[in-house]
């Protein structure tokens, strides 16, 4: 992205999370964006928006299974969700 919003927002989140953690080893804390991807055309990291998919598969007799099937995918956005600048 042409901005530093992702880093800025993550730093703010880190500050809030660290204040609320119980007694812990400070060196062990890892806070980062999920689904981070590297764009080869720009060499910068981006965070795609995740989409969760949940459904019940059907058995051969058309009855649904009791448990849900969980899948996920993500989409790349063409603008910063925080400031609106183009990626």
PDB file of N, CA and C in Angstrom:
ATOM      1  N   UNK A   1       0.830  -1.167   0.000  1.00  0.00           N
ATOM      2  CA  UNK A   1       0.000   0.000   0.000  1.00  0.00           C
ATOM      3  C   UNK A   1       0.878   1.235   0.000  1.00  0.00           C
ATOM      4  N   UNK A   2       0.339   2.307  -0.476  1.00  0.00           N
ATOM      5  CA  UNK A   2       1.086   3.550  -0.549  1.00  0.00           C
ATOM      6  C   UNK A   2       1.034   4.335   0.751  1.00  0.00           C
ATOM      7  N   UNK A   3       0.632   3.694   1.804  1.00  0.00           N
ATOM      8  CA  UNK A   3       0.523   4.353   3.101  1.00  0.00           C
ATOM      9  C   UNK A   3       1.138   3.431   4.160  1.00  0.00           C
ATOM     10  N   UNK A   4       1.192   3.908   5.381  1.00  0.00           N
ATOM     11  CA  UNK A   4       1.714   3.075   6.468  1.00  0.00           C
ATOM     12  C   UNK A   4       0.627   2.760   7.490  1.00  0.00           C
ATOM     13  N   UNK A   5      -0.627   2.756   7.043  1.00  0.00           N
ATOM     14  CA  UNK A   5      -1.754   2.527   7.949  1.00  0.00           C
ATOM     15  C   UNK A   5      -1.705   1.149   8.606  1.00  0.00           C
ATOM     16  N   UNK A   6      -1.328   0.113   7.865  1.00  0.00           N
ATOM     17  CA  UNK A   6      -1.298  -1.227   8.455  1.00  0.00           C
ATOM     18  C   UNK A   6      -0.335  -1.289   9.633  1.00  0.00           C
ATOM     19  N   UNK A   7       0.834  -0.703   9.484  1.00  0.00           N
ATOM     20  CA  UNK A   7       1.798  -0.688  10.577  1.00  0.00           C
ATOM     21  C   UNK A   7       1.302   0.171  11.739  1.00  0.00           C
ATOM     22  N   UNK A   8       0.723   1.320  11.417  1.00  0.00           N
ATOM     23  CA  UNK A   8       0.219   2.226  12.445  1.00  0.00           C
ATOM     24  C   UNK A   8      -0.889   1.573  13.265  1.00  0.00           C
ATOM     25  N   UNK A   9      -1.852   0.951  12.582  1.00  0.00           N
ATOM     26  CA  UNK A   9      -2.965   0.302  13.273  1.00  0.00           C
ATOM     27  C   UNK A   9      -2.464  -0.871  14.101  1.00  0.00           C
ATOM     28  N   UNK A  10      -1.539  -1.665  13.553  1.00  0.00           N
ATOM     29  CA  UNK A  10      -1.012  -2.806  14.300  1.00  0.00           C
ATOM     30  C   UNK A  10      -0.271  -2.339  15.557  1.00  0.00           C
ATOM     31  N   UNK A  11       0.474  -1.257  15.470  1.00  0.00           N
ATOM     32  CA  UNK A  11       1.160  -0.718  16.651  1.00  0.00           C
ATOM     33  C   UNK A  11       0.156  -0.282  17.719  1.00  0.00           C
ATOM     34  N   UNK A  12      -0.947   0.327  17.307  1.00  0.00           N
ATOM     35  CA  UNK A  12      -1.975   0.728  18.268  1.00  0.00           C
ATOM     36  C   UNK A  12      -2.618  -0.491  18.928  1.00  0.00           C
ATOM     37  N   UNK A  13      -2.874  -1.532  18.125  1.00  0.00           N
ATOM     38  CA  UNK A  13      -3.452  -2.768  18.667  1.00  0.00           C
ATOM     39  C   UNK A  13      -2.495  -3.400  19.668  1.00  0.00           C
ATOM     40  N   UNK A  14      -1.209  -3.430  19.326  1.00  0.00           N
ATOM     41  CA  UNK A  14      -0.203  -4.012  20.230  1.00  0.00           C
ATOM     42  C   UNK A  14      -0.241  -3.318  21.584  1.00  0.00           C
ATOM     43  N   UNK A  15      -0.328  -1.993  21.570  1.00  0.00           N
ATOM     44  CA  UNK A  15      -0.375  -1.245  22.817  1.00  0.00           C
ATOM     45  C   UNK A  15      -1.573  -1.628  23.671  1.00  0.00           C
ATOM     46  N   UNK A  16      -2.725  -1.787  23.062  1.00  0.00           N
ATOM     47  CA  UNK A  16      -3.934  -2.174  23.799  1.00  0.00           C
ATOM     48  C   UNK A  16      -3.840  -3.607  24.314  1.00  0.00           C
ATOM     49  N   UNK A  17      -3.322  -4.498  23.495  1.00  0.00           N
ATOM     50  CA  UNK A  17      -3.245  -5.918  23.883  1.00  0.00           C
ATOM     51  C   UNK A  17      -2.240  -6.111  25.012  1.00  0.00           C
ATOM     52  N   UNK A  18      -1.075  -5.515  24.900  1.00  0.00           N
ATOM     53  CA  UNK A  18      -0.032  -5.695  25.918  1.00  0.00           C
ATOM     54  C   UNK A  18      -0.482  -5.204  27.284  1.00  0.00           C
ATOM     55  N   UNK A  19      -1.269  -4.139  27.319  1.00  0.00           N
ATOM     56  CA  UNK A  19      -1.774  -3.611  28.594  1.00  0.00           C
ATOM     57  C   UNK A  19      -2.733  -4.575  29.280  1.00  0.00           C
ATOM     58  N   UNK A  20      -3.362  -5.449  28.526  1.00  0.00           N
ATOM     59  CA  UNK A  20      -4.408  -6.324  29.069  1.00  0.00           C
ATOM     60  C   UNK A  20      -3.959  -7.770  29.286  1.00  0.00           C
ATOM     61  N   UNK A  21      -2.753  -8.095  28.899  1.00  0.00           N
ATOM     62  CA  UNK A  21      -2.281  -9.470  29.076  1.00  0.00           C
ATOM     63  C   UNK A  21      -1.981  -9.750  30.547  1.00  0.00           C
ATOM     64  N   UNK A  22      -2.244 -10.974  31.021  1.00  0.00           N
ATOM     65  CA  UNK A  22      -1.822 -11.321  32.379  1.00  0.00           C
ATOM     66  C   UNK A  22      -0.300 -11.444  32.422  1.00  0.00           C
ATOM     67  N   UNK A  23       0.235 -11.768  33.570  1.00  0.00           N
ATOM     68  CA  UNK A  23       1.676 -11.913  33.732  1.00  0.00           C
ATOM     69  C   UNK A  23       2.218 -12.812  32.620  1.00  0.00           C
ATOM     70  N   UNK A  24       3.244 -12.328  31.904  1.00  0.00           N
ATOM     71  CA  UNK A  24       3.764 -13.056  30.747  1.00  0.00           C
ATOM     72  C   UNK A  24       5.220 -12.682  30.499  1.00  0.00           C
ATOM     73  N   UNK A  25       5.873 -13.495  29.694  1.00  0.00           N
ATOM     74  CA  UNK A  25       7.231 -13.211  29.251  1.00  0.00           C
ATOM     75  C   UNK A  25       7.133 -12.228  28.087  1.00  0.00           C
ATOM     76  N   UNK A  26       7.585 -11.003  28.254  1.00  0.00           N
ATOM     77  CA  UNK A  26       7.445 -10.002  27.189  1.00  0.00           C
ATOM     78  C   UNK A  26       8.096 -10.415  25.867  1.00  0.00           C
ATOM     79  N   UNK A  27       9.157 -11.203  25.940  1.00  0.00           N
ATOM     80  CA  UNK A  27       9.841 -11.636  24.720  1.00  0.00           C
ATOM     81  C   UNK A  27       9.043 -12.671  23.929  1.00  0.00           C
ATOM     82  N   UNK A  28       8.031 -13.260  24.548  1.00  0.00           N
ATOM     83  CA  UNK A  28       7.273 -14.323  23.885  1.00  0.00           C
ATOM     84  C   UNK A  28       6.060 -13.811  23.106  1.00  0.00           C
ATOM     85  N   UNK A  29       5.729 -12.539  23.254  1.00  0.00           N
ATOM     86  CA  UNK A  29       4.516 -11.999  22.639  1.00  0.00           C
ATOM     87  C   UNK A  29       4.739 -11.788  21.138  1.00  0.00           C
ATOM     88  N   UNK A  30       3.841 -12.339  20.333  1.00  0.00           N
ATOM     89  CA  UNK A  30       3.866 -12.179  18.877  1.00  0.00           C
ATOM     90  C   UNK A  30       2.480 -11.680  18.443  1.00  0.00           C
ATOM     91  N   UNK A  31       2.422 -10.489  17.928  1.00  0.00           N
ATOM     92  CA  UNK A  31       1.168  -9.921  17.450  1.00  0.00           C
ATOM     93  C   UNK A  31       1.392  -9.483  16.011  1.00  0.00           C
ATOM     94  N   UNK A  32       0.609 -10.048  15.086  1.00  0.00           N
ATOM     95  CA  UNK A  32       0.780  -9.709  13.688  1.00  0.00           C
ATOM     96  C   UNK A  32      -0.531  -9.912  12.952  1.00  0.00           C
ATOM     97  N   UNK A  33      -0.614  -9.395  11.748  1.00  0.00           N
ATOM     98  CA  UNK A  33      -1.787  -9.592  10.913  1.00  0.00           C
ATOM     99  C   UNK A  33      -1.859 -11.038  10.460  1.00  0.00           C
ATOM    100  N   UNK A  34      -3.063 -11.587  10.405  1.00  0.00           N
ATOM    101  CA  UNK A  34      -3.261 -12.901   9.804  1.00  0.00           C
ATOM    102  C   UNK A  34      -3.382 -12.710   8.306  1.00  0.00           C
ATOM    103  N   UNK A  35      -3.124 -13.770   7.556  1.00  0.00           N
ATOM    104  CA  UNK A  35      -3.290 -13.761   6.102  1.00  0.00           C
ATOM    105  C   UNK A  35      -2.428 -12.721   5.407  1.00  0.00           C
ATOM    106  N   UNK A  36      -1.269 -12.468   5.921  1.00  0.00           N
ATOM    107  CA  UNK A  36      -0.380 -11.494   5.290  1.00  0.00           C
ATOM    108  C   UNK A  36       0.194 -12.090   4.016  1.00  0.00           C
ATOM    109  N   UNK A  37       0.271 -11.290   2.964  1.00  0.00           N
ATOM    110  CA  UNK A  37       0.818 -11.778   1.708  1.00  0.00           C
ATOM    111  C   UNK A  37       1.791 -10.758   1.140  1.00  0.00           C
ATOM    112  N   UNK A  38       2.750 -11.247   0.407  1.00  0.00           N
ATOM    113  CA  UNK A  38       3.752 -10.403  -0.225  1.00  0.00           C
ATOM    114  C   UNK A  38       3.402 -10.260  -1.695  1.00  0.00           C
ATOM    115  N   UNK A  39       3.225  -9.034  -2.156  1.00  0.00           N
ATOM    116  CA  UNK A  39       2.951  -8.797  -3.573  1.00  0.00           C
ATOM    117  C   UNK A  39       4.269  -8.722  -4.314  1.00  0.00           C
ATOM    118  N   UNK A  40       4.413  -9.547  -5.313  1.00  0.00           N
ATOM    119  CA  UNK A  40       5.666  -9.593  -6.058  1.00  0.00           C
ATOM    120  C   UNK A  40       5.865  -8.359  -6.930  1.00  0.00           C
ATOM    121  N   UNK A  41       4.785  -7.724  -7.347  1.00  0.00           N
ATOM    122  CA  UNK A  41       4.939  -6.550  -8.203  1.00  0.00           C
ATOM    123  C   UNK A  41       5.421  -5.322  -7.440  1.00  0.00           C
ATOM    124  N   UNK A  42       5.128  -5.243  -6.151  1.00  0.00           N
ATOM    125  CA  UNK A  42       5.543  -4.069  -5.388  1.00  0.00           C
ATOM    126  C   UNK A  42       6.562  -4.409  -4.300  1.00  0.00           C
ATOM    127  N   UNK A  43       6.647  -5.677  -3.910  1.00  0.00           N
ATOM    128  CA  UNK A  43       7.563  -6.070  -2.852  1.00  0.00           C
ATOM    129  C   UNK A  43       7.099  -5.669  -1.468  1.00  0.00           C
ATOM    130  N   UNK A  44       5.845  -5.231  -1.337  1.00  0.00           N
ATOM    131  CA  UNK A  44       5.304  -4.816  -0.047  1.00  0.00           C
ATOM    132  C   UNK A  44       4.333  -5.863   0.470  1.00  0.00           C
ATOM    133  N   UNK A  45       4.154  -5.868   1.786  1.00  0.00           N
ATOM    134  CA  UNK A  45       3.197  -6.775   2.404  1.00  0.00           C
ATOM    135  C   UNK A  45       1.808  -6.158   2.388  1.00  0.00           C
ATOM    136  N   UNK A  46       0.811  -6.995   2.192  1.00  0.00           N
ATOM    137  CA  UNK A  46      -0.581  -6.586   2.228  1.00  0.00           C
ATOM    138  C   UNK A  46      -1.358  -7.571   3.088  1.00  0.00           C
ATOM    139  N   UNK A  47      -2.490  -7.156   3.565  1.00  0.00           N
ATOM    140  CA  UNK A  47      -3.345  -8.025   4.363  1.00  0.00           C
ATOM    141  C   UNK A  47      -4.665  -8.192   3.621  1.00  0.00           C
ATOM    142  N   UNK A  48      -4.860  -9.342   2.983  1.00  0.00           N
ATOM    143  CA  UNK A  48      -6.138  -9.563   2.293  1.00  0.00           C
ATOM    144  C   UNK A  48      -7.279  -9.710   3.304  1.00  0.00           C
ATOM    145  N   UNK A  49      -8.475  -9.377   2.879  1.00  0.00           N
ATOM    146  CA  UNK A  49      -9.646  -9.535   3.730  1.00  0.00           C
ATOM    147  C   UNK A  49     -10.088 -10.986   3.694  1.00  0.00           C
ATOM    148  N   UNK A  50     -10.205 -11.594   4.860  1.00  0.00           N
ATOM    149  CA  UNK A  50     -10.602 -12.992   4.953  1.00  0.00           C
ATOM    150  C   UNK A  50     -12.106 -13.175   4.879  1.00  0.00           C
ATOM    151  N   UNK A  51     -12.516 -14.265   4.291  1.00  0.00           N
ATOM    152  CA  UNK A  51     -13.932 -14.609   4.183  1.00  0.00           C
ATOM    153  C   UNK A  51     -14.088 -16.034   4.705  1.00  0.00           C
ATOM    154  N   UNK A  52     -14.946 -16.207   5.706  1.00  0.00           N
ATOM    155  CA  UNK A  52     -15.184 -17.553   6.221  1.00  0.00           C
ATOM    156  C   UNK A  52     -16.415 -18.135   5.539  1.00  0.00           C
ATOM    157  N   UNK A  53     -16.354 -19.427   5.269  1.00  0.00           N
ATOM    158  CA  UNK A  53     -17.441 -20.141   4.603  1.00  0.00           C
ATOM    159  C   UNK A  53     -17.801 -21.330   5.473  1.00  0.00           C
ATOM    160  N   UNK A  54     -19.050 -21.447   5.817  1.00  0.00           N
ATOM    161  CA  UNK A  54     -19.510 -22.546   6.673  1.00  0.00           C
ATOM    162  C   UNK A  54     -20.781 -23.118   6.073  1.00  0.00           C
ATOM    163  N   UNK A  55     -20.810 -24.441   5.937  1.00  0.00           N
ATOM    164  CA  UNK A  55     -21.991 -25.089   5.369  1.00  0.00           C
ATOM    165  C   UNK A  55     -22.052 -26.544   5.827  1.00  0.00           C
ATOM    166  N   UNK A  56     -23.204 -27.139   5.658  1.00  0.00           N
ATOM    167  CA  UNK A  56     -23.379 -28.562   5.964  1.00  0.00           C
ATOM    168  C   UNK A  56     -23.404 -29.337   4.662  1.00  0.00           C
ATOM    169  N   UNK A  57     -22.493 -30.263   4.544  1.00  0.00           N
ATOM    170  CA  UNK A  57     -22.488 -31.134   3.370  1.00  0.00           C
ATOM    171  C   UNK A  57     -23.658 -32.102   3.466  1.00  0.00           C
ATOM    172  N   UNK A  58     -24.061 -32.619   2.326  1.00  0.00           N
ATOM    173  CA  UNK A  58     -25.149 -33.586   2.288  1.00  0.00           C
ATOM    174  C   UNK A  58     -24.600 -34.989   2.083  1.00  0.00           C
ATOM    175  N   UNK A  59     -25.220 -35.928   2.771  1.00  0.00           N
ATOM    176  CA  UNK A  59     -24.874 -37.333   2.583  1.00  0.00           C
ATOM    177  C   UNK A  59     -25.456 -37.800   1.250  1.00  0.00           C
ATOM    178  N   UNK A  60     -25.110 -39.017   0.855  1.00  0.00           N
ATOM    179  CA  UNK A  60     -25.627 -39.558  -0.404  1.00  0.00           C
ATOM    180  C   UNK A  60     -27.148 -39.642  -0.424  1.00  0.00           C
ATOM    181  N   UNK A  61     -27.766 -39.761   0.749  1.00  0.00           N
ATOM    182  CA  UNK A  61     -29.236 -39.834   0.811  1.00  0.00           C
ATOM    183  C   UNK A  61     -29.855 -38.436   0.992  1.00  0.00           C
ATOM    184  N   UNK A  62     -29.085 -37.399   0.764  1.00  0.00           N
ATOM    185  CA  UNK A  62     -29.510 -35.997   0.836  1.00  0.00           C
ATOM    186  C   UNK A  62     -29.820 -35.489   2.237  1.00  0.00           C
ATOM    187  N   UNK A  63     -29.442 -36.231   3.278  1.00  0.00           N
ATOM    188  CA  UNK A  63     -29.554 -35.724   4.650  1.00  0.00           C
ATOM    189  C   UNK A  63     -28.281 -34.945   4.967  1.00  0.00           C
ATOM    190  N   UNK A  64     -28.404 -33.855   5.709  1.00  0.00           N
ATOM    191  CA  UNK A  64     -27.205 -33.089   6.053  1.00  0.00           C
ATOM    192  C   UNK A  64     -26.382 -33.787   7.148  1.00  0.00           C
ATOM    193  N   UNK A  65     -25.069 -33.653   7.051  1.00  0.00           N
ATOM    194  CA  UNK A  65     -24.208 -34.108   8.132  1.00  0.00           C
ATOM    195  C   UNK A  65     -24.476 -33.256   9.365  1.00  0.00           C
ATOM    196  N   UNK A  66     -24.190 -33.777  10.547  1.00  0.00           N
ATOM    197  CA  UNK A  66     -24.473 -33.037  11.771  1.00  0.00           C
ATOM    198  C   UNK A  66     -23.484 -31.891  11.997  1.00  0.00           C
ATOM    199  N   UNK A  67     -22.258 -32.020  11.515  1.00  0.00           N
ATOM    200  CA  UNK A  67     -21.253 -30.978  11.714  1.00  0.00           C
ATOM    201  C   UNK A  67     -21.123 -30.112  10.471  1.00  0.00           C
ATOM    202  N   UNK A  68     -20.761 -28.868  10.698  1.00  0.00           N
ATOM    203  CA  UNK A  68     -20.539 -27.942   9.603  1.00  0.00           C
ATOM    204  C   UNK A  68     -19.165 -28.158   8.990  1.00  0.00           C
ATOM    205  N   UNK A  69     -19.037 -27.898   7.723  1.00  0.00           N
ATOM    206  CA  UNK A  69     -17.753 -27.849   7.049  1.00  0.00           C
ATOM    207  C   UNK A  69     -17.308 -26.394   7.050  1.00  0.00           C
ATOM    208  N   UNK A  70     -16.067 -26.153   7.446  1.00  0.00           N
ATOM    209  CA  UNK A  70     -15.525 -24.796   7.509  1.00  0.00           C
ATOM    210  C   UNK A  70     -14.441 -24.631   6.462  1.00  0.00           C
ATOM    211  N   UNK A  71     -14.554 -23.610   5.670  1.00  0.00           N
ATOM    212  CA  UNK A  71     -13.545 -23.271   4.676  1.00  0.00           C
ATOM    213  C   UNK A  71     -13.316 -21.774   4.740  1.00  0.00           C
ATOM    214  N   UNK A  72     -12.287 -21.334   4.067  1.00  0.00           N
ATOM    215  CA  UNK A  72     -12.042 -19.897   4.031  1.00  0.00           C
ATOM    216  C   UNK A  72     -11.341 -19.529   2.732  1.00  0.00           C
ATOM    217  N   UNK A  73     -11.459 -18.287   2.394  1.00  0.00           N
ATOM    218  CA  UNK A  73     -10.756 -17.719   1.255  1.00  0.00           C
ATOM    219  C   UNK A  73     -10.483 -16.267   1.587  1.00  0.00           C
ATOM    220  N   UNK A  74      -9.771 -15.579   0.752  1.00  0.00           N
ATOM    221  CA  UNK A  74      -9.523 -14.165   1.004  1.00  0.00           C
ATOM    222  C   UNK A  74      -9.510 -13.414  -0.321  1.00  0.00           C
ATOM    223  N   UNK A  75      -9.750 -12.122  -0.234  1.00  0.00           N
ATOM    224  CA  UNK A  75      -9.712 -11.277  -1.415  1.00  0.00           C
ATOM    225  C   UNK A  75      -8.725 -10.146  -1.180  1.00  0.00           C
ATOM    226  N   UNK A  76      -8.034  -9.772  -2.226  1.00  0.00           N
ATOM    227  CA  UNK A  76      -7.117  -8.645  -2.139  1.00  0.00           C
ATOM    228  C   UNK A  76      -7.909  -7.375  -2.414  1.00  0.00           C
ATOM    229  N   UNK A  77      -7.602  -6.350  -1.680  1.00  0.00           N
ATOM    230  CA  UNK A  77      -8.312  -5.088  -1.859  1.00  0.00           C
ATOM    231  C   UNK A  77      -7.420  -4.118  -2.639  1.00  0.00           C
ATOM    232  N   UNK A  78      -8.030  -3.211  -3.349  1.00  0.00           N
ATOM    233  CA  UNK A  78      -7.270  -2.275  -4.171  1.00  0.00           C
ATOM    234  C   UNK A  78      -7.103  -0.908  -3.501  1.00  0.00           C
ATOM    235  N   UNK A  79      -7.466  -0.829  -2.209  1.00  0.00           N
ATOM    236  CA  UNK A  79      -7.328   0.414  -1.475  1.00  0.00           C
ATOM    237  C   UNK A  79      -7.114   0.096  -0.004  1.00  0.00           C
ATOM    238  N   UNK A  80      -6.550   1.022   0.727  1.00  0.00           N
ATOM    239  CA  UNK A  80      -6.347   0.867   2.157  1.00  0.00           C
ATOM    240  C   UNK A  80      -7.698   0.988   2.861  1.00  0.00           C
ATOM    241  N   UNK A  81      -8.055   0.027   3.719  1.00  0.00           N
ATOM    242  CA  UNK A  81      -9.340   0.121   4.402  1.00  0.00           C
ATOM    243  C   UNK A  81      -9.375   1.220   5.474  1.00  0.00           C
ATOM    244  N   UNK A  82      -8.229   1.790   5.790  1.00  0.00           N
ATOM    245  CA  UNK A  82      -8.176   2.801   6.841  1.00  0.00           C
ATOM    246  C   UNK A  82      -8.164   4.233   6.289  1.00  0.00           C
ATOM    247  N   UNK A  83      -7.385   4.468   5.232  1.00  0.00           N
ATOM    248  CA  UNK A  83      -7.298   5.846   4.719  1.00  0.00           C
ATOM    249  C   UNK A  83      -7.831   5.990   3.302  1.00  0.00           C
ATOM    250  N   UNK A  84      -8.067   4.868   2.601  1.00  0.00           N
ATOM    251  CA  UNK A  84      -8.648   4.929   1.266  1.00  0.00           C
ATOM    252  C   UNK A  84      -7.668   5.084   0.128  1.00  0.00           C
ATOM    253  N   UNK A  85      -6.367   5.156   0.424  1.00  0.00           N
ATOM    254  CA  UNK A  85      -5.389   5.288  -0.655  1.00  0.00           C
ATOM    255  C   UNK A  85      -5.321   4.020  -1.481  1.00  0.00           C
ATOM    256  N   UNK A  86      -5.018   4.173  -2.759  1.00  0.00           N
ATOM    257  CA  UNK A  86      -4.893   3.046  -3.672  1.00  0.00           C
ATOM    258  C   UNK A  86      -3.676   2.203  -3.335  1.00  0.00           C
ATOM    259  N   UNK A  87      -3.784   0.877  -3.561  1.00  0.00           N
ATOM    260  CA  UNK A  87      -2.643   0.001  -3.257  1.00  0.00           C
ATOM    261  C   UNK A  87      -1.663  -0.031  -4.366  1.00  0.00           C
TER     262      UNK A  87
END
